[in-house]
All heavy atoms as atom14 arrays in JSON, in Angstrom:
{
  "sequence": "LVLTRRERQSTRRHLGLFVMLPAVVGIALATT",
  "atom14_mask": [
    [1, 1, 1, 1, 1, 1, 1, 1, 0, 0, 0, 0, 0, 0],
    [1, 1, 1, 1, 1, 1, 1, 0, 0, 0, 0, 0, 0, 0],
    [1, 1, 1, 1, 1, 1, 1, 1, 0, 0, 0, 0, 0, 0],
    [1, 1, 1, 1, 1, 1, 1, 0, 0, 0, 0, 0, 0, 0],
    [1, 1, 1, 1, 1, 1, 1, 1, 1, 1, 1, 0, 0, 0],
    [1, 1, 1, 1, 1, 1, 1, 1, 1, 1, 1, 0, 0, 0],
    [1, 1, 1, 1, 1, 1, 1, 1, 1, 0, 0, 0, 0, 0],
    [1, 1, 1, 1, 1, 1, 1, 1, 1, 1, 1, 0, 0, 0],
    [1, 1, 1, 1, 1, 1, 1, 1, 1, 0, 0, 0, 0, 0],
    [1, 1, 1, 1, 1, 1, 0, 0, 0, 0, 0, 0, 0, 0],
    [1, 1, 1, 1, 1, 1, 1, 0, 0, 0, 0, 0, 0, 0],
    [1, 1, 1, 1, 1, 1, 1, 1, 1, 1, 1, 0, 0, 0],
    [1, 1, 1, 1, 1, 1, 1, 1, 1, 1, 1, 0, 0, 0],
    [1, 1, 1, 1, 1, 1, 1, 1, 1, 1, 0, 0, 0, 0],
    [1, 1, 1, 1, 1, 1, 1, 1, 0, 0, 0, 0, 0, 0],
    [1, 1, 1, 1, 0, 0, 0, 0, 0, 0, 0, 0, 0, 0],
    [1, 1, 1, 1, 1, 1, 1, 1, 0, 0, 0, 0, 0, 0],
    [1, 1, 1, 1, 1, 1, 1, 1, 1, 1, 1, 0, 0, 0],
    [1, 1, 1, 1, 1, 1, 1, 0, 0, 0, 0, 0, 0, 0],
    [1, 1, 1, 1, 1, 1, 1, 1, 0, 0, 0, 0, 0, 0],
    [1, 1, 1, 1, 1, 1, 1, 1, 0, 0, 0, 0, 0, 0],
    [1, 1, 1, 1, 1, 1, 1, 0, 0, 0, 0, 0, 0, 0],
    [1, 1, 1, 1, 1, 0, 0, 0, 0, 0, 0, 0, 0, 0],
    [1, 1, 1, 1, 1, 1, 1, 0, 0, 0, 0, 0, 0, 0],
    [1, 1, 1, 1, 1, 1, 1, 0, 0, 0, 0, 0, 0, 0],
    [1, 1, 1, 1, 0, 0, 0, 0, 0, 0, 0, 0, 0, 0],
    [1, 1, 1, 1, 1, 1, 1, 1, 0, 0, 0, 0, 0, 0],
    [1, 1, 1, 1, 1, 0, 0, 0, 0, 0, 0, 0, 0, 0],
    [1, 1, 1, 1, 1, 1, 1, 1, 0, 0, 0, 0, 0, 0],
    [1, 1, 1, 1, 1, 0, 0, 0, 0, 0, 0, 0, 0, 0],
    [1, 1, 1, 1, 1, 1, 1, 0, 0, 0, 0, 0, 0, 0],
    [1, 1, 1, 1, 1, 1, 1, 0, 0, 0, 0, 0, 0, 0]
  ],
  "atom14_positions": [
    [[103.98, 110.17, 95.6], [104.61, 110.8, 96.76], [103.66, 111.79, 97.43], [103.58, 111.84, 98.66], [105.89, 111.51, 96.32], [106.99, 110.6, 95.75], [108.14, 111.44, 95.21], [107.5, 109.62, 96.8], [0.0, 0.0, 0.0], [0.0, 0.0, 0.0], [0.0, 0.0, 0.0], [0.0, 0.0, 0.0], [0.0, 0.0, 0.0], [0.0, 0.0, 0.0]],
    [[102.96, 112.58, 96.63], [102.06, 113.59, 97.2], [100.84, 112.95, 97.84], [100.44, 113.3, 98.96], [101.64, 114.59, 96.11], [100.55, 115.52, 96.63], [102.84, 115.39, 95.64], [0.0, 0.0, 0.0], [0.0, 0.0, 0.0], [0.0, 0.0, 0.0], [0.0, 0.0, 0.0], [0.0, 0.0, 0.0], [0.0, 0.0, 0.0], [0.0, 0.0, 0.0]],
    [[100.24, 111.98, 97.15], [99.0, 111.38, 97.65], [99.22, 110.56, 98.92], [98.32, 110.45, 99.74], [98.38, 110.5, 96.56], [97.71, 111.24, 95.41], [97.38, 110.29, 94.28], [96.44, 111.94, 95.89], [0.0, 0.0, 0.0], [0.0, 0.0, 0.0], [0.0, 0.0, 0.0], [0.0, 0.0, 0.0], [0.0, 0.0, 0.0], [0.0, 0.0, 0.0]],
    [[100.39, 109.96, 99.05], [100.65, 109.11, 100.22], [101.41, 109.83, 101.33], [101.67, 109.23, 102.37], [101.44, 107.85, 99.8], [102.71, 108.24, 99.25], [100.67, 107.05, 98.77], [0.0, 0.0, 0.0], [0.0, 0.0, 0.0], [0.0, 0.0, 0.0], [0.0, 0.0, 0.0], [0.0, 0.0, 0.0], [0.0, 0.0, 0.0], [0.0, 0.0, 0.0]],
    [[101.74, 111.09, 101.12], [102.56, 111.79, 102.12], [101.87, 111.86, 103.47], [102.52, 111.73, 104.5], [102.87, 113.2, 101.61], [103.76, 114.03, 102.52], [104.17, 115.31, 101.84], [103.02, 116.11, 101.49], [102.44, 117.02, 102.27], [102.93, 117.22, 103.49], [101.4, 117.72, 101.87], [0.0, 0.0, 0.0], [0.0, 0.0, 0.0], [0.0, 0.0, 0.0]],
    [[100.58, 112.07, 103.47], [99.85, 112.21, 104.72], [99.07, 110.96, 105.09], [98.3, 110.98, 106.07], [98.89, 113.4, 104.62], [99.61, 114.74, 104.49], [98.63, 115.89, 104.52], [99.32, 117.16, 104.45], [98.71, 118.36, 104.47], [97.38, 118.41, 104.55], [99.4, 119.47, 104.4], [0.0, 0.0, 0.0], [0.0, 0.0, 0.0], [0.0, 0.0, 0.0]],
    [[99.25, 109.89, 104.34], [98.58, 108.64, 104.68], [99.34, 107.91, 105.79], [100.49, 108.23, 106.09], [98.48, 107.75, 103.44], [97.6, 108.3, 102.33], [96.14, 108.37, 102.72], [95.69, 107.56, 103.55], [95.43, 109.24, 102.18], [0.0, 0.0, 0.0], [0.0, 0.0, 0.0], [0.0, 0.0, 0.0], [0.0, 0.0, 0.0], [0.0, 0.0, 0.0]],
    [[98.69, 106.94, 106.38], [99.35, 106.13, 107.4], [100.57, 105.44, 106.79], [100.62, 105.14, 105.61], [98.38, 105.08, 107.94], [97.21, 105.65, 108.69], [96.25, 104.56, 109.11], [96.93, 103.53, 109.88], [96.37, 102.39, 110.27], [95.11, 102.13, 109.92], [97.04, 101.51, 110.97], [0.0, 0.0, 0.0], [0.0, 0.0, 0.0], [0.0, 0.0, 0.0]],
    [[101.56, 105.18, 107.64], [102.8, 104.56, 107.16], [102.53, 103.24, 106.46], [103.13, 102.94, 105.42], [103.76, 104.35, 108.34], [105.05, 103.62, 107.99], [105.89, 104.38, 107.0], [105.75, 105.59, 106.86], [106.76, 103.69, 106.27], [0.0, 0.0, 0.0], [0.0, 0.0, 0.0], [0.0, 0.0, 0.0], [0.0, 0.0, 0.0], [0.0, 0.0, 0.0]],
    [[101.61, 102.44, 106.98], [101.3, 101.14, 106.35], [100.69, 101.34, 104.97], [101.0, 100.6, 104.03], [100.35, 100.34, 107.24], [99.13, 101.06, 107.46], [0.0, 0.0, 0.0], [0.0, 0.0, 0.0], [0.0, 0.0, 0.0], [0.0, 0.0, 0.0], [0.0, 0.0, 0.0], [0.0, 0.0, 0.0], [0.0, 0.0, 0.0], [0.0, 0.0, 0.0]],
    [[99.83, 102.35, 104.82], [99.24, 102.64, 103.52], [100.31, 103.07, 102.53], [100.35, 102.63, 101.38], [98.17, 103.74, 103.65], [97.13, 103.28, 104.52], [97.58, 104.08, 102.29], [0.0, 0.0, 0.0], [0.0, 0.0, 0.0], [0.0, 0.0, 0.0], [0.0, 0.0, 0.0], [0.0, 0.0, 0.0], [0.0, 0.0, 0.0], [0.0, 0.0, 0.0]],
    [[101.2, 103.93, 102.98], [102.25, 104.45, 102.1], [103.15, 103.33, 101.59], [103.42, 103.23, 100.41], [103.09, 105.48, 102.86], [104.18, 106.11, 102.03], [105.1, 106.98, 102.88], [104.37, 108.04, 103.55], [104.95, 108.92, 104.37], [106.25, 108.83, 104.62], [104.26, 109.86, 104.95], [0.0, 0.0, 0.0], [0.0, 0.0, 0.0], [0.0, 0.0, 0.0]],
    [[103.6, 102.45, 102.48], [104.55, 101.43, 102.05], [103.88, 100.32, 101.25], [104.51, 99.7, 100.39], [105.28, 100.84, 103.24], [104.44, 100.08, 104.26], [105.29, 99.75, 105.5], [104.55, 99.11, 106.56], [104.43, 97.8, 106.73], [105.02, 96.98, 105.87], [103.75, 97.3, 107.73], [0.0, 0.0, 0.0], [0.0, 0.0, 0.0], [0.0, 0.0, 0.0]],
    [[102.58, 100.09, 101.48], [101.91, 99.03, 100.74], [101.44, 99.47, 99.37], [101.15, 98.64, 98.51], [100.73, 98.49, 101.55], [101.16, 97.67, 102.73], [100.33, 97.39, 103.79], [102.35, 97.08, 103.01], [100.99, 96.64, 104.68], [102.2, 96.44, 104.22], [0.0, 0.0, 0.0], [0.0, 0.0, 0.0], [0.0, 0.0, 0.0], [0.0, 0.0, 0.0]],
    [[101.35, 100.77, 99.13], [100.97, 101.26, 97.82], [102.17, 101.52, 96.91], [102.05, 101.45, 95.69], [100.16, 102.57, 97.96], [98.75, 102.45, 98.5], [98.11, 103.83, 98.58], [97.91, 101.53, 97.63], [0.0, 0.0, 0.0], [0.0, 0.0, 0.0], [0.0, 0.0, 0.0], [0.0, 0.0, 0.0], [0.0, 0.0, 0.0], [0.0, 0.0, 0.0]],
    [[103.3, 101.83, 97.52], [104.47, 102.21, 96.73], [104.89, 101.16, 95.73], [105.25, 101.49, 94.59], [0.0, 0.0, 0.0], [0.0, 0.0, 0.0], [0.0, 0.0, 0.0], [0.0, 0.0, 0.0], [0.0, 0.0, 0.0], [0.0, 0.0, 0.0], [0.0, 0.0, 0.0], [0.0, 0.0, 0.0], [0.0, 0.0, 0.0], [0.0, 0.0, 0.0]],
    [[104.83, 99.9, 96.11], [105.26, 98.81, 95.23], [104.49, 98.84, 93.92], [105.07, 98.7, 92.84], [105.06, 97.47, 95.93], [105.17, 96.21, 95.06], [106.6, 96.07, 94.53], [104.76, 94.97, 95.86], [0.0, 0.0, 0.0], [0.0, 0.0, 0.0], [0.0, 0.0, 0.0], [0.0, 0.0, 0.0], [0.0, 0.0, 0.0], [0.0, 0.0, 0.0]],
    [[103.18, 99.06, 93.99], [102.33, 98.9, 92.82], [102.35, 100.11, 91.9], [101.93, 100.01, 90.75], [100.9, 98.59, 93.28], [100.81, 97.33, 94.09], [100.78, 97.38, 95.48], [100.81, 96.1, 93.47], [100.72, 96.22, 96.23], [100.75, 94.94, 94.21], [100.71, 94.99, 95.59], [0.0, 0.0, 0.0], [0.0, 0.0, 0.0], [0.0, 0.0, 0.0]],
    [[102.79, 101.26, 92.39], [102.98, 102.41, 91.51], [104.4, 102.41, 90.94], [104.61, 102.74, 89.77], [102.7, 103.72, 92.26], [102.99, 104.93, 91.37], [101.25, 103.77, 92.73], [0.0, 0.0, 0.0], [0.0, 0.0, 0.0], [0.0, 0.0, 0.0], [0.0, 0.0, 0.0], [0.0, 0.0, 0.0], [0.0, 0.0, 0.0], [0.0, 0.0, 0.0]],
    [[105.38, 102.04, 91.76], [106.76, 102.06, 91.28], [107.02, 100.97, 90.24], [107.89, 101.14, 89.37], [107.73, 101.87, 92.45], [107.83, 103.06, 93.38], [108.17, 104.64, 92.55], [109.73, 104.27, 91.73], [0.0, 0.0, 0.0], [0.0, 0.0, 0.0], [0.0, 0.0, 0.0], [0.0, 0.0, 0.0], [0.0, 0.0, 0.0], [0.0, 0.0, 0.0]],
    [[106.27, 99.87, 90.28], [106.48, 98.81, 89.3], [106.19, 99.31, 87.87], [107.05, 99.19, 86.99], [105.63, 97.6, 89.64], [105.75, 96.4, 88.69], [107.19, 95.92, 88.61], [104.83, 95.26, 89.14], [0.0, 0.0, 0.0], [0.0, 0.0, 0.0], [0.0, 0.0, 0.0], [0.0, 0.0, 0.0], [0.0, 0.0, 0.0], [0.0, 0.0, 0.0]],
    [[105.0, 99.88, 87.58], [104.81, 100.42, 86.23], [105.72, 101.6, 85.93], [106.07, 101.84, 84.76], [103.33, 100.84, 86.21], [102.95, 100.98, 87.64], [103.77, 99.98, 88.38], [0.0, 0.0, 0.0], [0.0, 0.0, 0.0], [0.0, 0.0, 0.0], [0.0, 0.0, 0.0], [0.0, 0.0, 0.0], [0.0, 0.0, 0.0], [0.0, 0.0, 0.0]],
    [[106.13, 102.35, 86.97], [107.05, 103.47, 86.74], [108.4, 102.96, 86.25], [108.99, 103.53, 85.32], [107.22, 104.27, 88.03], [0.0, 0.0, 0.0], [0.0, 0.0, 0.0], [0.0, 0.0, 0.0], [0.0, 0.0, 0.0], [0.0, 0.0, 0.0], [0.0, 0.0, 0.0], [0.0, 0.0, 0.0], [0.0, 0.0, 0.0], [0.0, 0.0, 0.0]],
    [[108.9, 101.89, 86.85], [110.18, 101.32, 86.43], [110.06, 100.75, 85.01], [110.96, 100.93, 84.18], [110.64, 100.24, 87.42], [111.81, 99.43, 86.86], [111.04, 100.88, 88.75], [0.0, 0.0, 0.0], [0.0, 0.0, 0.0], [0.0, 0.0, 0.0], [0.0, 0.0, 0.0], [0.0, 0.0, 0.0], [0.0, 0.0, 0.0], [0.0, 0.0, 0.0]],
    [[108.95, 100.08, 84.72], [108.75, 99.56, 83.37], [108.69, 100.71, 82.36], [109.31, 100.65, 81.29], [107.46, 98.72, 83.3], [107.14, 98.33, 81.86], [107.59, 97.47, 84.17], [0.0, 0.0, 0.0], [0.0, 0.0, 0.0], [0.0, 0.0, 0.0], [0.0, 0.0, 0.0], [0.0, 0.0, 0.0], [0.0, 0.0, 0.0], [0.0, 0.0, 0.0]],
    [[107.97, 101.77, 82.71], [107.85, 102.91, 81.81], [109.18, 103.6, 81.56], [109.5, 103.94, 80.41], [0.0, 0.0, 0.0], [0.0, 0.0, 0.0], [0.0, 0.0, 0.0], [0.0, 0.0, 0.0], [0.0, 0.0, 0.0], [0.0, 0.0, 0.0], [0.0, 0.0, 0.0], [0.0, 0.0, 0.0], [0.0, 0.0, 0.0], [0.0, 0.0, 0.0]],
    [[109.98, 103.81, 82.61], [111.26, 104.5, 82.41], [112.23, 103.6, 81.66], [113.09, 104.09, 80.91], [111.85, 104.95, 83.77], [112.84, 106.1, 83.57], [112.51, 103.83, 84.5], [112.24, 107.34, 83.02], [0.0, 0.0, 0.0], [0.0, 0.0, 0.0], [0.0, 0.0, 0.0], [0.0, 0.0, 0.0], [0.0, 0.0, 0.0], [0.0, 0.0, 0.0]],
    [[112.11, 102.28, 81.83], [112.96, 101.36, 81.07], [112.64, 101.46, 79.58], [113.54, 101.49, 78.74], [112.76, 99.93, 81.57], [0.0, 0.0, 0.0], [0.0, 0.0, 0.0], [0.0, 0.0, 0.0], [0.0, 0.0, 0.0], [0.0, 0.0, 0.0], [0.0, 0.0, 0.0], [0.0, 0.0, 0.0], [0.0, 0.0, 0.0], [0.0, 0.0, 0.0]],
    [[111.36, 101.52, 79.23], [110.97, 101.67, 77.83], [111.4, 103.03, 77.28], [111.87, 103.13, 76.14], [109.46, 101.51, 77.69], [108.9, 100.11, 77.95], [107.37, 100.15, 77.92], [109.42, 99.11, 76.92], [0.0, 0.0, 0.0], [0.0, 0.0, 0.0], [0.0, 0.0, 0.0], [0.0, 0.0, 0.0], [0.0, 0.0, 0.0], [0.0, 0.0, 0.0]],
    [[111.24, 104.08, 78.09], [111.58, 105.42, 77.64], [113.07, 105.58, 77.35], [113.46, 106.35, 76.46], [111.14, 106.46, 78.68], [0.0, 0.0, 0.0], [0.0, 0.0, 0.0], [0.0, 0.0, 0.0], [0.0, 0.0, 0.0], [0.0, 0.0, 0.0], [0.0, 0.0, 0.0], [0.0, 0.0, 0.0], [0.0, 0.0, 0.0], [0.0, 0.0, 0.0]],
    [[113.9, 104.84, 78.08], [115.35, 104.99, 77.91], [115.96, 103.93, 76.99], [117.16, 103.97, 76.75], [116.05, 104.9, 79.29], [115.66, 103.68, 79.95], [115.66, 106.08, 80.17], [0.0, 0.0, 0.0], [0.0, 0.0, 0.0], [0.0, 0.0, 0.0], [0.0, 0.0, 0.0], [0.0, 0.0, 0.0], [0.0, 0.0, 0.0], [0.0, 0.0, 0.0]],
    [[115.15, 103.03, 76.46], [115.67, 102.0, 75.56], [114.9, 102.0, 74.25], [115.31, 102.61, 73.27], [115.6, 100.61, 76.22], [114.25, 100.34, 76.66], [116.55, 100.54, 77.43], [0.0, 0.0, 0.0], [0.0, 0.0, 0.0], [0.0, 0.0, 0.0], [0.0, 0.0, 0.0], [0.0, 0.0, 0.0], [0.0, 0.0, 0.0], [0.0, 0.0, 0.0]]
  ]
}
């Protein structure tokens, strides 16, 4: 969120997928 806040909108939306994917996997493991 911090690193992409000032980036171009296209950069922000195209990077989010690839960081949120391991984040979702990590939180799934942490809660199970």
